[in-house]
Amino acid sequence: MAALELRHLRYLLAVAEHGNFTRAAEDLHISQPTLSQQIRQLERTLGVQLLDRTGRTVRLTDAGAVYTDHARRALRDLAAAERAVHDVQDLSRGHLRLGVTPTFTAYLVGPLTAELHTRHPGISLTLAETTQDRIEAALLADDLDVGIAFAGPHPSGITATALFTETLSLVTAAQHTPTTPPPLPVHALADRQLALLSGDFATRGHIDAYFADHRIAPRITVEANSLQALTEIVRRTPLATVLPDAITHDHPHLTPIPLDPPLPTRTVTLLHRQGAYHSAATRAFTRLTHDLVRTRGYTPPPAQLPSGDGSAESIPGRRSGGDGC
């Protein structure tokens, strides 16, 4: 495929995405007349109208919709082919595109990045912290190589491999006691002041559902959209929070207190696009992730993990539009 044709495809997709020649031209860093000329040249080459320019918004014609669908796949496959050609099997160089939900930046991303750099210093990393829905969409669009999130339900085309079971506990400032605190009855939280993640976090939905199930309404004194903020607040105040136990492993100034009954667990997974090309960097990262999880002693995952065909079981706290963290 000639370079001119590839440029035509990218120009058409930009106009289709923005629905406007001006914004598409700005995004492409070319002039609007040049963009219009190139699109018309493509239409003449194909002998069909691809865009409906009669309305306030530029829209794809039926033929345009079919053509752009194939164009997206062609560009995605070409990008994968280029990565395959440049993929060095001895891992002296390479690149990994990783997406994680926010919880994992607090306790997993640091050790994983350190281990990746130690084992394979030639591999560069692009890290995206975002919602689980967006991770899955990016995997399907071939904008990410691998994601770390939670078990199902997943859209068709996403495969999930279980890593470990995440447990959550009440967390307070360090109590400097030699033994693990005994489980705290959930009803003891009725008058407890808490600092929790804000309502746009899926983990908050997980926690709220637990409180609702046990008819408990604690006093929520602070809401924050940052895990780091919560750990600092709890460290310096009498307030308590609810966090994954794994976070407290790396924070000696925090003490996890198990609740009775315990909060429901969640299965942490590695996500890939089904049938995607797995570079040497992706395969190496997958291996070291499993190694690190075992080394750190995280609770093993359930024996059965839902498949990636959309039939996976629902995990409490997973909400559409939430961050899945």
Protein backbone atom coordinates (compact mmCIF):
# COMPACT_ATOMS: atom_id res chain seq x y z
CA MET A 1 0.00 0.00 0.00
CA ALA A 2 1.50 3.34 -1.06
CA ALA A 3 2.23 6.08 1.47
CA LEU A 4 -0.32 8.33 -0.24
CA GLU A 5 -3.03 5.75 0.25
CA LEU A 6 -2.13 5.34 3.89
CA ARG A 7 -2.36 9.09 4.31
CA HIS A 8 -5.78 9.03 2.66
CA LEU A 9 -6.99 6.45 5.17
CA ARG A 10 -5.75 8.45 8.15
CA TYR A 11 -7.29 11.64 6.77
CA LEU A 12 -10.67 9.97 6.23
CA LEU A 13 -10.67 8.45 9.72
CA ALA A 14 -9.84 11.83 11.26
CA VAL A 15 -12.78 13.51 9.52
CA ALA A 16 -15.07 10.64 10.51
CA GLU A 17 -13.94 10.94 14.14
CA HIS A 18 -14.33 14.72 14.41
CA GLY A 19 -17.34 15.11 12.10
CA ASN A 20 -15.75 18.35 10.97
CA PHE A 21 -13.05 19.21 8.43
CA THR A 22 -11.67 22.12 10.43
CA ARG A 23 -11.10 20.16 13.65
CA ALA A 24 -9.75 17.18 11.71
CA ALA A 25 -7.29 19.40 9.84
CA GLU A 26 -6.10 20.94 13.13
CA ASP A 27 -5.61 17.48 14.62
CA LEU A 28 -3.67 16.36 11.53
CA HIS A 29 -1.63 19.61 11.41
CA ILE A 30 -2.54 20.29 7.79
CA SER A 31 -4.67 22.97 6.14
CA GLN A 32 -8.39 22.41 5.65
CA PRO A 33 -8.19 22.89 1.82
CA THR A 34 -5.46 20.24 1.66
CA LEU A 35 -7.54 17.84 3.72
CA SER A 36 -10.63 18.41 1.57
CA GLN A 37 -8.61 17.90 -1.61
CA GLN A 38 -7.14 14.63 -0.36
CA ILE A 39 -10.54 13.25 0.66
CA ARG A 40 -12.03 14.13 -2.74
CA GLN A 41 -9.07 12.45 -4.42
CA LEU A 42 -9.78 9.31 -2.42
CA GLU A 43 -13.47 9.45 -3.38
CA ARG A 44 -12.54 9.82 -7.07
CA THR A 45 -10.15 6.88 -6.81
CA LEU A 46 -12.85 4.68 -5.27
CA GLY A 47 -15.61 6.04 -7.47
CA VAL A 48 -17.98 6.55 -4.53
CA GLN A 49 -18.97 9.32 -2.11
CA LEU A 50 -17.63 8.58 1.38
CA LEU A 51 -18.80 11.68 3.27
CA ASP A 52 -22.11 13.51 3.47
CA ARG A 53 -21.22 17.19 3.68
CA THR A 54 -24.76 18.62 3.46
CA GLY A 55 -25.51 18.87 7.20
CA ARG A 56 -23.97 20.86 10.02
CA THR A 57 -21.88 17.81 10.88
CA VAL A 58 -19.94 15.84 8.27
CA ARG A 59 -21.19 12.25 8.33
CA LEU A 60 -20.13 9.02 6.70
CA THR A 61 -22.27 7.70 3.88
CA ASP A 62 -23.20 4.02 3.93
CA ALA A 63 -20.24 3.34 1.66
CA GLY A 64 -18.03 5.49 3.88
CA ALA A 65 -19.02 3.56 7.00
CA VAL A 66 -18.10 0.26 5.37
CA TYR A 67 -14.82 1.64 4.02
CA THR A 68 -13.71 3.20 7.33
CA ASP A 69 -14.40 -0.04 9.16
CA HIS A 70 -11.95 -1.83 6.87
CA ALA A 71 -9.54 1.12 7.00
CA ARG A 72 -9.33 0.99 10.79
CA ARG A 73 -8.58 -2.73 10.71
CA ALA A 74 -5.99 -2.26 7.98
CA LEU A 75 -4.13 0.45 9.89
CA ARG A 76 -4.29 -1.56 13.10
CA ASP A 77 -2.93 -4.67 11.38
CA LEU A 78 -0.20 -2.62 9.71
CA ALA A 79 0.86 -1.17 13.07
CA ALA A 80 0.99 -4.68 14.54
CA ALA A 81 3.07 -5.82 11.57
CA GLU A 82 5.53 -2.98 12.10
CA ARG A 83 5.88 -3.89 15.78
CA ALA A 84 6.43 -7.52 14.83
CA VAL A 85 9.18 -6.60 12.37
CA HIS A 86 10.96 -4.45 14.95
CA ASP A 87 10.37 -6.82 17.84
CA VAL A 88 13.74 -8.14 19.04
CA GLN A 89 13.41 -11.61 20.51
CA ASP A 90 16.43 -11.23 22.80
CA LEU A 91 14.65 -8.28 24.48
CA SER A 92 17.62 -5.96 24.02
CA ARG A 93 14.97 -3.45 23.01
CA GLY A 94 11.22 -3.30 22.77
CA HIS A 95 8.19 -1.35 23.92
CA LEU A 96 5.20 -2.20 26.10
CA ARG A 97 1.89 -0.31 26.32
CA LEU A 98 0.26 -1.03 29.68
CA GLY A 99 -3.11 0.11 31.01
CA VAL A 100 -4.06 -0.17 34.70
CA THR A 101 -6.96 0.93 36.85
CA PRO A 102 -6.03 3.43 39.60
CA THR A 103 -5.83 0.99 42.52
CA PHE A 104 -2.82 -0.73 41.02
CA THR A 105 -0.70 2.42 40.79
CA ALA A 106 -0.72 2.42 44.59
CA TYR A 107 0.92 -0.96 45.10
CA LEU A 108 1.58 -2.95 41.91
CA VAL A 109 2.86 -0.66 39.16
CA GLY A 110 6.00 0.39 41.05
CA PRO A 111 7.26 -3.15 41.77
CA LEU A 112 6.32 -4.31 38.25
CA THR A 113 8.17 -1.44 36.59
CA ALA A 114 11.22 -2.00 38.79
CA GLU A 115 11.27 -5.70 37.94
CA LEU A 116 10.81 -5.00 34.22
CA HIS A 117 13.68 -2.51 34.25
CA THR A 118 15.92 -4.89 36.19
CA ARG A 119 15.29 -7.88 33.93
CA HIS A 120 14.92 -6.09 30.61
CA PRO A 121 16.37 -2.54 30.74
CA GLY A 122 16.03 -2.21 26.96
CA ILE A 123 12.22 -2.35 27.09
CA SER A 124 10.51 1.04 27.32
CA LEU A 125 7.10 1.38 28.94
CA THR A 126 4.08 3.56 28.24
CA LEU A 127 1.69 3.49 31.21
CA ALA A 128 -1.94 4.61 31.13
CA GLU A 129 -3.98 4.89 34.33
CA THR A 130 -7.63 4.86 33.32
CA THR A 131 -10.98 3.13 33.75
CA GLN A 132 -11.49 -0.56 33.09
CA ASP A 133 -13.96 0.18 30.28
CA ARG A 134 -11.38 2.37 28.56
CA ILE A 135 -8.64 -0.23 29.02
CA GLU A 136 -10.81 -2.83 27.32
CA ALA A 137 -11.70 -0.45 24.50
CA ALA A 138 -8.01 0.42 24.01
CA LEU A 139 -7.06 -3.25 23.90
CA LEU A 140 -9.71 -3.91 21.25
CA ALA A 141 -8.46 -0.91 19.24
CA ASP A 142 -4.85 -2.16 19.58
CA ASP A 143 -3.88 0.98 21.49
CA LEU A 144 -2.66 -1.12 24.46
CA ASP A 145 -0.78 -4.43 24.66
CA VAL A 146 -1.93 -5.53 28.10
CA GLY A 147 -4.18 -4.33 30.91
CA ILE A 148 -4.43 -5.00 34.64
CA ALA A 149 -7.96 -4.79 36.01
CA PHE A 150 -10.64 -7.03 37.52
CA ALA A 151 -12.51 -10.13 36.42
CA GLY A 152 -15.59 -9.69 34.18
CA PRO A 153 -17.87 -9.14 32.65
CA HIS A 154 -15.68 -8.34 29.64
CA PRO A 155 -16.66 -7.39 26.09
CA SER A 156 -16.28 -9.93 23.32
CA GLY A 157 -12.68 -10.13 22.15
CA ILE A 158 -11.08 -9.61 25.58
CA THR A 159 -9.36 -12.50 27.33
CA ALA A 160 -8.61 -12.44 31.06
CA THR A 161 -6.00 -14.39 32.99
CA ALA A 162 -6.34 -14.49 36.78
CA LEU A 163 -3.42 -13.09 38.80
CA PHE A 164 -4.52 -12.99 42.44
CA THR A 165 -7.40 -12.29 44.79
CA GLU A 166 -7.64 -8.77 46.17
CA THR A 167 -9.01 -8.39 49.69
CA LEU A 168 -10.04 -5.15 51.35
CA SER A 169 -9.97 -4.18 55.01
CA LEU A 170 -10.59 -1.25 57.28
CA VAL A 171 -7.35 0.76 57.49
CA THR A 172 -6.20 3.02 60.33
CA ALA A 173 -2.95 4.68 61.37
CA ALA A 174 -0.32 2.25 62.66
CA GLN A 175 -1.16 0.98 66.15
CA HIS A 176 2.33 -0.42 66.89
CA THR A 177 0.97 -3.67 68.26
CA PRO A 178 2.92 -6.92 67.81
CA THR A 179 -0.12 -8.92 66.72
CA THR A 180 -2.70 -8.56 63.98
CA PRO A 181 -5.83 -6.78 65.26
CA PRO A 182 -8.83 -9.09 65.71
CA PRO A 183 -11.70 -8.78 63.21
CA LEU A 184 -13.92 -5.80 63.88
CA PRO A 185 -17.68 -6.45 63.74
CA VAL A 186 -19.11 -4.41 60.89
CA HIS A 187 -21.74 -2.89 63.19
CA ALA A 188 -18.93 -1.20 65.14
CA LEU A 189 -18.57 1.14 62.14
CA ALA A 190 -22.02 2.66 62.67
CA ASP A 191 -20.58 5.74 64.37
CA ARG A 192 -17.04 5.58 62.96
CA GLN A 193 -15.74 8.52 60.94
CA LEU A 194 -14.32 7.41 57.59
CA ALA A 195 -12.35 8.88 54.72
CA LEU A 196 -13.33 7.10 51.49
CA LEU A 197 -12.76 7.28 47.78
CA SER A 198 -15.25 9.50 45.97
CA GLY A 199 -18.39 8.13 44.35
CA ASP A 200 -16.96 7.99 40.82
CA PHE A 201 -14.64 5.15 41.87
CA ALA A 202 -15.93 1.61 41.38
CA THR A 203 -14.20 0.60 44.61
CA ARG A 204 -16.46 3.07 46.43
CA GLY A 205 -19.46 1.27 44.95
CA HIS A 206 -17.98 -2.00 46.21
CA ILE A 207 -17.70 -0.53 49.72
CA ASP A 208 -21.13 1.15 49.70
CA ALA A 209 -22.79 -2.11 48.61
CA TYR A 210 -21.13 -3.89 51.54
CA PHE A 211 -22.38 -1.27 54.01
CA ALA A 212 -25.87 -1.38 52.51
CA ASP A 213 -26.00 -5.17 52.72
CA HIS A 214 -25.26 -4.94 56.45
CA ARG A 215 -27.46 -1.87 57.04
CA ILE A 216 -24.57 0.24 58.26
CA ALA A 217 -24.30 3.99 57.65
CA PRO A 218 -20.88 5.20 58.87
CA ARG A 219 -20.07 8.90 59.01
CA ILE A 220 -18.14 9.75 55.85
CA THR A 221 -16.13 12.79 56.88
CA VAL A 222 -13.78 12.98 53.87
CA GLU A 223 -14.17 11.92 50.23
CA ALA A 224 -11.11 11.95 47.97
CA ASN A 225 -10.35 10.99 44.39
CA SER A 226 -6.77 10.03 45.23
CA LEU A 227 -5.47 6.93 46.99
CA GLN A 228 -2.33 8.80 48.03
CA ALA A 229 -4.48 11.50 49.65
CA LEU A 230 -6.42 8.86 51.60
CA THR A 231 -3.29 7.19 52.96
CA GLU A 232 -1.89 10.55 54.09
CA ILE A 233 -5.18 11.58 55.71
CA VAL A 234 -5.49 8.31 57.61
CA ARG A 235 -1.85 8.46 58.64
CA ARG A 236 -2.28 11.90 60.23
CA THR A 237 -5.83 11.75 61.65
CA PRO A 238 -8.04 9.42 63.70
CA LEU A 239 -10.05 8.70 60.53
CA ALA A 240 -10.16 5.22 59.01
CA THR A 241 -10.60 4.17 55.39
CA VAL A 242 -11.14 0.99 53.37
CA LEU A 243 -8.31 -0.10 51.05
CA PRO A 244 -6.87 -3.26 49.48
CA ASP A 245 -4.69 -5.12 51.95
CA ALA A 246 -1.83 -5.10 49.43
CA ILE A 247 -1.50 -1.32 49.78
CA THR A 248 -0.78 -1.58 53.51
CA HIS A 249 2.01 -4.10 52.84
CA ASP A 250 4.15 -1.23 51.56
CA HIS A 251 2.96 1.35 54.12
CA PRO A 252 4.19 0.52 57.64
CA HIS A 253 2.39 3.61 58.96
CA LEU A 254 -0.96 1.95 58.15
CA THR A 255 -2.66 -0.97 59.89
CA PRO A 256 -5.29 -3.16 58.20
CA ILE A 257 -8.12 -4.33 60.43
CA PRO A 258 -10.23 -7.19 59.04
CA LEU A 259 -13.98 -6.74 59.19
CA ASP A 260 -16.47 -9.37 60.28
CA PRO A 261 -18.02 -10.40 57.96
CA PRO A 262 -15.22 -9.59 55.49
CA LEU A 263 -15.68 -7.42 52.44
CA PRO A 264 -16.21 -9.43 49.23
CA THR A 265 -13.00 -10.19 47.37
CA ARG A 266 -12.17 -9.34 43.74
CA THR A 267 -10.09 -11.26 41.21
CA VAL A 268 -7.26 -9.24 39.64
CA THR A 269 -6.58 -10.16 36.02
CA LEU A 270 -4.28 -9.55 33.08
CA LEU A 271 -6.32 -8.48 30.04
CA HIS A 272 -5.36 -8.99 26.39
CA ARG A 273 -7.11 -8.70 23.05
CA GLN A 274 -8.05 -12.14 21.81
CA GLY A 275 -5.94 -13.13 18.84
CA ALA A 276 -3.63 -10.11 19.16
CA TYR A 277 0.04 -10.32 18.30
CA HIS A 278 1.99 -10.66 21.56
CA SER A 279 5.41 -9.06 21.25
CA ALA A 280 8.44 -10.40 23.09
CA ALA A 281 8.04 -7.47 25.51
CA THR A 282 4.42 -8.43 26.20
CA ARG A 283 5.31 -12.06 26.80
CA ALA A 284 8.18 -11.09 29.10
CA PHE A 285 5.97 -8.73 31.08
CA THR A 286 3.30 -11.41 31.46
CA ARG A 287 5.86 -13.86 32.85
CA LEU A 288 7.39 -11.40 35.32
CA THR A 289 3.94 -10.29 36.51
CA HIS A 290 3.02 -13.85 37.48
CA ASP A 291 6.45 -14.26 39.12
CA LEU A 292 6.10 -11.05 41.13
CA VAL A 293 2.59 -11.92 42.33
CA ARG A 294 3.87 -15.26 43.64
CA THR A 295 6.95 -13.67 45.22
CA ARG A 296 4.90 -11.06 47.07
CA GLY A 297 2.59 -13.73 48.45
CA TYR A 298 -0.71 -12.37 47.16
CA THR A 299 -3.71 -14.64 47.67
CA PRO A 300 -4.05 -17.07 44.73
CA PRO A 301 -7.03 -16.51 42.42
CA PRO A 302 -10.09 -18.78 42.30
CA ALA A 303 -9.65 -22.04 40.42
CA GLN A 304 -12.10 -20.97 37.72
CA LEU A 305 -11.95 -17.62 35.96
CA PRO A 306 -14.82 -16.43 33.74
CA SER A 307 -14.04 -16.51 30.03
CA GLY A 308 -13.61 -13.39 27.91
CA ASP A 309 -16.71 -13.93 25.82
CA GLY A 310 -18.97 -11.59 27.74
CA SER A 311 -20.42 -14.39 29.88
CA ALA A 312 -18.18 -13.72 32.88
CA GLU A 313 -19.68 -13.38 36.32
CA SER A 314 -20.23 -9.90 37.69
CA ILE A 315 -17.86 -8.60 40.34
CA PRO A 316 -19.46 -6.45 43.08
CA GLY A 317 -18.58 -2.80 42.66
CA ARG A 318 -18.07 -2.95 38.89
CA ARG A 319 -20.17 -0.18 37.45
CA SER A 320 -20.53 1.11 33.97
CA GLY A 321 -18.52 4.31 33.70
CA GLY A 322 -16.65 3.68 36.98
CA ASP A 323 -12.90 3.38 37.07
CA GLY A 324 -12.92 -0.30 37.93
CA CYS A 325 -10.30 0.33 40.58
